[in-house]
Structures are given as C-alpha cells and as structure tokens.
Protein backbone atom coordinates (compact mmCIF):
# COMPACT_ATOMS: atom_id res chain seq x y z
CA UNK A 1 63.72 24.32 -191.01
CA UNK A 2 65.03 23.49 -194.64
CA UNK A 3 64.42 20.33 -196.25
CA UNK A 4 67.06 18.66 -197.58
CA UNK A 5 65.57 17.87 -201.25
CA UNK A 6 65.48 21.88 -201.18
CA UNK A 7 69.25 21.83 -199.67
CA UNK A 8 70.48 19.33 -202.61
CA UNK A 9 69.09 21.77 -205.63
CA UNK A 10 71.93 24.38 -204.53
CA UNK A 11 75.21 24.63 -205.94
CA UNK A 12 78.43 24.74 -203.61
CA UNK A 13 78.76 28.35 -203.18
CA UNK A 14 75.27 28.74 -202.50
CA UNK A 15 75.50 26.38 -199.43
CA UNK A 16 78.59 28.12 -198.52
CA UNK A 17 76.38 31.43 -198.18
CA UNK A 18 73.58 30.00 -196.47
CA UNK A 19 75.93 28.41 -193.85
CA UNK A 20 77.54 31.44 -193.19
CA UNK A 21 74.09 33.48 -192.67
CA UNK A 22 73.43 30.27 -190.37
CA UNK A 23 76.31 30.57 -188.48
CA UNK A 24 75.71 34.35 -188.12
CA UNK A 25 71.99 33.60 -186.68
CA UNK A 26 73.41 31.40 -184.28
CA UNK A 27 75.90 33.13 -183.14
CA UNK A 28 73.18 35.96 -182.38
CA UNK A 29 70.79 33.87 -181.02
CA UNK A 30 74.00 32.39 -178.41
CA UNK A 31 74.26 36.22 -177.92
CA UNK A 32 70.28 36.98 -176.90
CA UNK A 33 70.40 33.81 -174.35
CA UNK A 34 73.57 34.78 -172.69
CA UNK A 35 71.68 38.25 -171.95
CA UNK A 36 68.41 36.68 -171.27
CA UNK A 37 66.73 38.25 -174.37
CA UNK A 38 65.99 34.94 -176.17
CA UNK A 39 62.13 34.55 -177.00
CA UNK A 40 62.24 31.16 -179.41
CA UNK A 41 64.51 28.53 -177.40
CA UNK A 42 63.54 26.39 -180.27
CA UNK A 43 65.07 27.83 -183.25
CA UNK A 44 68.34 27.36 -181.50
CA UNK A 45 67.99 23.59 -182.23
CA UNK A 46 66.76 24.17 -185.57
CA UNK A 47 69.39 26.28 -186.52
CA UNK A 48 71.79 23.57 -185.46
CA UNK A 49 70.38 20.56 -186.82
CA UNK A 50 69.81 23.01 -190.56
CA UNK A 51 74.08 23.64 -190.21
CA UNK A 52 74.39 19.83 -190.16
CA UNK A 53 72.25 19.29 -192.78
CA UNK A 54 74.08 21.81 -194.83
CA UNK A 55 77.30 20.23 -193.77
CA UNK A 56 76.27 17.26 -194.80
CA UNK A 57 75.13 17.71 -197.81
CA UNK A 58 78.40 19.84 -198.87
CA UNK A 59 80.34 16.72 -198.06
CA UNK A 60 78.15 14.36 -200.26
CA UNK A 61 78.63 16.37 -202.72
CA UNK A 62 82.63 16.64 -202.40
CA UNK A 63 82.86 13.19 -202.05
CA UNK A 64 80.72 12.74 -205.38
CA UNK A 65 83.05 14.92 -207.19
CA UNK A 66 85.88 13.16 -206.09
CA UNK A 67 84.64 10.01 -207.34
CA UNK A 68 83.38 11.72 -211.00
CA UNK A 69 87.21 12.73 -211.62
C-alpha cells in the first residue's frame, strides 16, 4: 500500500506511469479471479485504493496548477 505522502512527492509524469502500472495489475488480478487463480484477494482492494489515491492527488495537483496561473 502506497502512502499519500510518498505519492505527493512524485511528479505528474511519475504519477501517470504509476497509475498505468496499477491499472495493468488490476486487470491481471481481475483475470486471475475470473479463472479461479487469485490467491491474495486483499490485493484487489489495495490496488483499487491506491488507484483512487493517485487520482485524487493528480486532481489536487491539477487544481493547484490552475490556481497558480
């Protein structure tokens, strides 16, 4: 699980890359669940929350950049 403080230190590009990686992992976990191969069911919840955390911080950074202009 990623901490919000760690995410805030990353750049916008790093956040986009991290989000892409998490979405790929989420897809793989959903595929494993559908085929009955998923062992760590708690990981699905962690990934979903990490994605939400990154999206929230991306929105905050975009809003602060808009206010700075």
